[in-house]
Amino acid sequence: MESVAVAQRIEAPADAVWALVGDFGGNVLTRGYVARVEASGSGIGARRTYHLDPSIGGGAVVERLVELDNTERAIAYDMVDYGPLPWADYGGRITVTPAGPDACILVVRTRFFPLDPTRAEELCGLSRGNIGKYFDNVRAAIGA
């Protein structure tokens, strides 16, 4: 199993960042790799369909919400339809932890099995690139 984890300090209060991160069906934070988001249901078990940006090959994947903790500011999801993506057992977890009153630490983790183990490093790079876009989108959305 491969895993990617990225942590960065965001110069904004944890609650402000969590308002974005905790929105499972939101589309603000996926710009650049997801063209459109469709959400169905609410709470644990809700699903979202990511219509992938043509720049990364298009297609669609479906994720299911498996954790949503507003107190700890943690959200996790598992992919339940991989669409065109070349991995299995994909999941992610995101946490927002205060770093004083005006900043926080945002941690994004993903894990997966590459269908072709020889592409593991390439797929980890793809995941890191998408996480980088996610961080950029958080900063743009909150003006940090």
C-alpha atoms as a PDB file:
ATOM      1  CA  MET A   1       0.000   0.000   0.000  1.00  0.00           C
ATOM      2  CA  GLU A   2       1.203   3.477  -0.863  1.00  0.00           C
ATOM      3  CA  SER A   3       0.493   6.516   1.248  1.00  0.00           C
ATOM      4  CA  VAL A   4       0.976  10.230   0.806  1.00  0.00           C
ATOM      5  CA  ALA A   5       0.730  12.753   3.623  1.00  0.00           C
ATOM      6  CA  VAL A   6       1.226  16.503   3.399  1.00  0.00           C
ATOM      7  CA  ALA A   7       0.975  18.983   6.266  1.00  0.00           C
ATOM      8  CA  GLN A   8       1.068  22.750   5.918  1.00  0.00           C
ATOM      9  CA  ARG A   9       0.447  25.751   8.107  1.00  0.00           C
ATOM     10  CA  ILE A  10      -2.471  27.886   6.939  1.00  0.00           C
ATOM     11  CA  GLU A  11      -2.607  31.479   8.139  1.00  0.00           C
ATOM     12  CA  ALA A  12      -6.296  31.422   8.991  1.00  0.00           C
ATOM     13  CA  PRO A  13      -8.300  30.266  12.026  1.00  0.00           C
ATOM     14  CA  ALA A  14      -9.004  26.545  12.193  1.00  0.00           C
ATOM     15  CA  ASP A  15     -12.776  27.094  12.200  1.00  0.00           C
ATOM     16  CA  ALA A  16     -12.601  29.114   8.963  1.00  0.00           C
ATOM     17  CA  VAL A  17     -10.554  26.412   7.232  1.00  0.00           C
ATOM     18  CA  TRP A  18     -12.780  23.657   8.632  1.00  0.00           C
ATOM     19  CA  ALA A  19     -15.871  25.376   7.199  1.00  0.00           C
ATOM     20  CA  LEU A  20     -14.392  24.650   3.758  1.00  0.00           C
ATOM     21  CA  VAL A  21     -12.725  21.300   4.431  1.00  0.00           C
ATOM     22  CA  GLY A  22     -15.722  19.827   6.247  1.00  0.00           C
ATOM     23  CA  ASP A  23     -18.071  20.473   3.307  1.00  0.00           C
ATOM     24  CA  PHE A  24     -18.054  16.982   1.767  1.00  0.00           C
ATOM     25  CA  GLY A  25     -20.080  18.020  -1.279  1.00  0.00           C
ATOM     26  CA  GLY A  26     -18.286  21.306  -1.897  1.00  0.00           C
ATOM     27  CA  ASN A  27     -16.491  22.100  -5.138  1.00  0.00           C
ATOM     28  CA  VAL A  28     -14.280  25.032  -4.136  1.00  0.00           C
ATOM     29  CA  LEU A  29     -11.301  22.981  -2.937  1.00  0.00           C
ATOM     30  CA  THR A  30     -11.094  20.605  -5.916  1.00  0.00           C
ATOM     31  CA  ARG A  31     -10.521  23.176  -8.658  1.00  0.00           C
ATOM     32  CA  GLY A  32      -7.843  22.132 -11.085  1.00  0.00           C
ATOM     33  CA  TYR A  33      -8.456  18.403 -10.906  1.00  0.00           C
ATOM     34  CA  VAL A  34     -12.246  18.061 -10.583  1.00  0.00           C
ATOM     35  CA  ALA A  35     -14.484  19.763 -13.141  1.00  0.00           C
ATOM     36  CA  ARG A  36     -17.753  19.194 -11.259  1.00  0.00           C
ATOM     37  CA  VAL A  37     -18.975  17.663  -7.978  1.00  0.00           C
ATOM     38  CA  GLU A  38     -22.348  15.974  -7.441  1.00  0.00           C
ATOM     39  CA  ALA A  39     -23.270  15.052  -3.862  1.00  0.00           C
ATOM     40  CA  SER A  40     -26.037  12.773  -2.616  1.00  0.00           C
ATOM     41  CA  GLY A  41     -27.125  11.989   0.920  1.00  0.00           C
ATOM     42  CA  SER A  42     -25.889  13.571   4.111  1.00  0.00           C
ATOM     43  CA  GLY A  43     -23.738  12.525   7.035  1.00  0.00           C
ATOM     44  CA  ILE A  44     -21.796   9.271   7.181  1.00  0.00           C
ATOM     45  CA  GLY A  45     -22.510   7.280   4.035  1.00  0.00           C
ATOM     46  CA  ALA A  46     -23.079  10.347   1.843  1.00  0.00           C
ATOM     47  CA  ARG A  47     -21.553  10.058  -1.607  1.00  0.00           C
ATOM     48  CA  ARG A  48     -19.932  12.497  -3.962  1.00  0.00           C
ATOM     49  CA  THR A  49     -19.167  12.020  -7.625  1.00  0.00           C
ATOM     50  CA  TYR A  50     -16.095  13.793  -8.881  1.00  0.00           C
ATOM     51  CA  HIS A  51     -16.228  14.460 -12.605  1.00  0.00           C
ATOM     52  CA  LEU A  52     -12.512  14.631 -13.275  1.00  0.00           C
ATOM     53  CA  ASP A  53     -10.967  17.523 -15.129  1.00  0.00           C
ATOM     54  CA  PRO A  54     -10.098  16.709 -18.750  1.00  0.00           C
ATOM     55  CA  SER A  55      -6.531  17.862 -18.003  1.00  0.00           C
ATOM     56  CA  ILE A  56      -6.064  14.704 -15.917  1.00  0.00           C
ATOM     57  CA  GLY A  57      -7.921  12.406 -18.299  1.00  0.00           C
ATOM     58  CA  GLY A  58     -11.597  12.983 -17.512  1.00  0.00           C
ATOM     59  CA  GLY A  59     -14.033  10.354 -16.301  1.00  0.00           C
ATOM     60  CA  ALA A  60     -15.695  10.158 -12.910  1.00  0.00           C
ATOM     61  CA  VAL A  61     -15.078   8.580  -9.511  1.00  0.00           C
ATOM     62  CA  VAL A  62     -17.368   8.171  -6.495  1.00  0.00           C
ATOM     63  CA  GLU A  63     -16.357   8.605  -2.857  1.00  0.00           C
ATOM     64  CA  ARG A  64     -18.270   7.744   0.327  1.00  0.00           C
ATOM     65  CA  LEU A  65     -18.001   9.750   3.555  1.00  0.00           C
ATOM     66  CA  VAL A  66     -16.746   7.474   6.361  1.00  0.00           C
ATOM     67  CA  GLU A  67     -15.847  10.029   9.046  1.00  0.00           C
ATOM     68  CA  LEU A  68     -17.025  13.539   9.837  1.00  0.00           C
ATOM     69  CA  ASP A  69     -15.979  14.888  13.230  1.00  0.00           C
ATOM     70  CA  ASN A  70     -16.743  18.580  13.648  1.00  0.00           C
ATOM     71  CA  THR A  71     -15.215  18.679  17.142  1.00  0.00           C
ATOM     72  CA  GLU A  72     -11.861  17.224  16.086  1.00  0.00           C
ATOM     73  CA  ARG A  73     -12.161  18.789  12.609  1.00  0.00           C
ATOM     74  CA  ALA A  74     -11.547  15.511  10.774  1.00  0.00           C
ATOM     75  CA  ILE A  75     -13.099  14.134   7.603  1.00  0.00           C
ATOM     76  CA  ALA A  76     -12.395  10.837   5.828  1.00  0.00           C
ATOM     77  CA  TYR A  77     -13.649   9.145   2.700  1.00  0.00           C
ATOM     78  CA  ASP A  78     -13.204   5.944   0.706  1.00  0.00           C
ATOM     79  CA  MET A  79     -13.434   5.652  -3.051  1.00  0.00           C
ATOM     80  CA  VAL A  80     -16.245   3.254  -4.002  1.00  0.00           C
ATOM     81  CA  ASP A  81     -16.056   3.620  -7.803  1.00  0.00           C
ATOM     82  CA  TYR A  82     -12.602   4.140  -9.281  1.00  0.00           C
ATOM     83  CA  GLY A  83     -13.699   5.141 -12.758  1.00  0.00           C
ATOM     84  CA  PRO A  84     -10.574   5.380 -14.929  1.00  0.00           C
ATOM     85  CA  LEU A  85      -8.092   5.672 -12.043  1.00  0.00           C
ATOM     86  CA  PRO A  86      -5.370   3.007 -11.751  1.00  0.00           C
ATOM     87  CA  TRP A  87      -5.594   2.117  -8.068  1.00  0.00           C
ATOM     88  CA  ALA A  88      -7.585   0.138  -5.510  1.00  0.00           C
ATOM     89  CA  ASP A  89      -8.522   0.588  -1.835  1.00  0.00           C
ATOM     90  CA  TYR A  90      -8.166   4.370  -2.133  1.00  0.00           C
ATOM     91  CA  GLY A  91      -9.052   6.493   0.866  1.00  0.00           C
ATOM     92  CA  GLY A  92      -8.227   9.852   2.343  1.00  0.00           C
ATOM     93  CA  ARG A  93      -8.355  11.691   5.635  1.00  0.00           C
ATOM     94  CA  ILE A  94      -8.051  15.426   6.273  1.00  0.00           C
ATOM     95  CA  THR A  95      -7.580  17.143   9.621  1.00  0.00           C
ATOM     96  CA  VAL A  96      -7.499  20.780  10.684  1.00  0.00           C
ATOM     97  CA  THR A  97      -5.744  21.556  13.985  1.00  0.00           C
ATOM     98  CA  PRO A  98      -5.493  25.015  15.542  1.00  0.00           C
ATOM     99  CA  ALA A  99      -2.054  26.629  15.713  1.00  0.00           C
ATOM    100  CA  GLY A 100      -3.039  29.553  17.900  1.00  0.00           C
ATOM    101  CA  PRO A 101      -6.110  31.713  17.256  1.00  0.00           C
ATOM    102  CA  ASP A 102      -5.181  32.885  13.743  1.00  0.00           C
ATOM    103  CA  ALA A 103      -3.582  29.846  12.094  1.00  0.00           C
ATOM    104  CA  CYS A 104      -3.951  26.090  11.761  1.00  0.00           C
ATOM    105  CA  ILE A 105      -2.194  22.981  10.514  1.00  0.00           C
ATOM    106  CA  LEU A 106      -3.932  21.256   7.627  1.00  0.00           C
ATOM    107  CA  VAL A 107      -2.980  17.612   7.057  1.00  0.00           C
ATOM    108  CA  VAL A 108      -4.121  15.669   3.987  1.00  0.00           C
ATOM    109  CA  ARG A 109      -3.457  11.932   3.810  1.00  0.00           C
ATOM    110  CA  THR A 110      -4.216   9.459   1.033  1.00  0.00           C
ATOM    111  CA  ARG A 111      -3.595   5.736   0.739  1.00  0.00           C
ATOM    112  CA  PHE A 112      -4.022   3.284  -2.112  1.00  0.00           C
ATOM    113  CA  PHE A 113      -2.767   0.166  -3.874  1.00  0.00           C
ATOM    114  CA  PRO A 114      -1.479   0.811  -7.415  1.00  0.00           C
ATOM    115  CA  LEU A 115      -2.953  -1.673  -9.877  1.00  0.00           C
ATOM    116  CA  ASP A 116       0.471  -1.688 -11.528  1.00  0.00           C
ATOM    117  CA  PRO A 117       3.114  -1.625  -8.781  1.00  0.00           C
ATOM    118  CA  THR A 118       5.713  -0.289 -11.229  1.00  0.00           C
ATOM    119  CA  ARG A 119       3.687   2.968 -11.337  1.00  0.00           C
ATOM    120  CA  ALA A 120       3.676   3.484  -7.555  1.00  0.00           C
ATOM    121  CA  GLU A 121       5.957   6.526  -7.541  1.00  0.00           C
ATOM    122  CA  GLU A 122       4.111   8.095 -10.483  1.00  0.00           C
ATOM    123  CA  LEU A 123       0.760   7.662  -8.702  1.00  0.00           C
ATOM    124  CA  CYS A 124       2.168   9.051  -5.451  1.00  0.00           C
ATOM    125  CA  GLY A 125       3.285  12.071  -7.506  1.00  0.00           C
ATOM    126  CA  LEU A 126      -0.231  12.441  -8.924  1.00  0.00           C
ATOM    127  CA  SER A 127      -1.661  12.331  -5.409  1.00  0.00           C
ATOM    128  CA  ARG A 128       0.898  14.897  -4.148  1.00  0.00           C
ATOM    129  CA  GLY A 129       0.066  17.165  -7.098  1.00  0.00           C
ATOM    130  CA  ASN A 130      -3.659  17.028  -6.358  1.00  0.00           C
ATOM    131  CA  ILE A 131      -3.006  17.679  -2.673  1.00  0.00           C
ATOM    132  CA  GLY A 132      -0.897  20.688  -3.674  1.00  0.00           C
ATOM    133  CA  LYS A 133      -3.826  22.056  -5.682  1.00  0.00           C
ATOM    134  CA  TYR A 134      -6.089  21.414  -2.690  1.00  0.00           C
ATOM    135  CA  PHE A 135      -3.832  23.504  -0.422  1.00  0.00           C
ATOM    136  CA  ASP A 136      -3.680  26.274  -3.045  1.00  0.00           C
ATOM    137  CA  ASN A 137      -7.481  26.238  -3.262  1.00  0.00           C
ATOM    138  CA  VAL A 138      -7.830  26.463   0.533  1.00  0.00           C
ATOM    139  CA  ARG A 139      -5.546  29.493   0.621  1.00  0.00           C
ATOM    140  CA  ALA A 140      -7.351  31.152  -2.292  1.00  0.00           C
ATOM    141  CA  ALA A 141     -10.779  30.535  -0.746  1.00  0.00           C
ATOM    142  CA  ILE A 142      -9.850  32.046   2.611  1.00  0.00           C
ATOM    143  CA  GLY A 143      -7.603  34.778   1.230  1.00  0.00           C
ATOM    144  CA  ALA A 144      -4.469  33.546   2.989  1.00  0.00           C
END
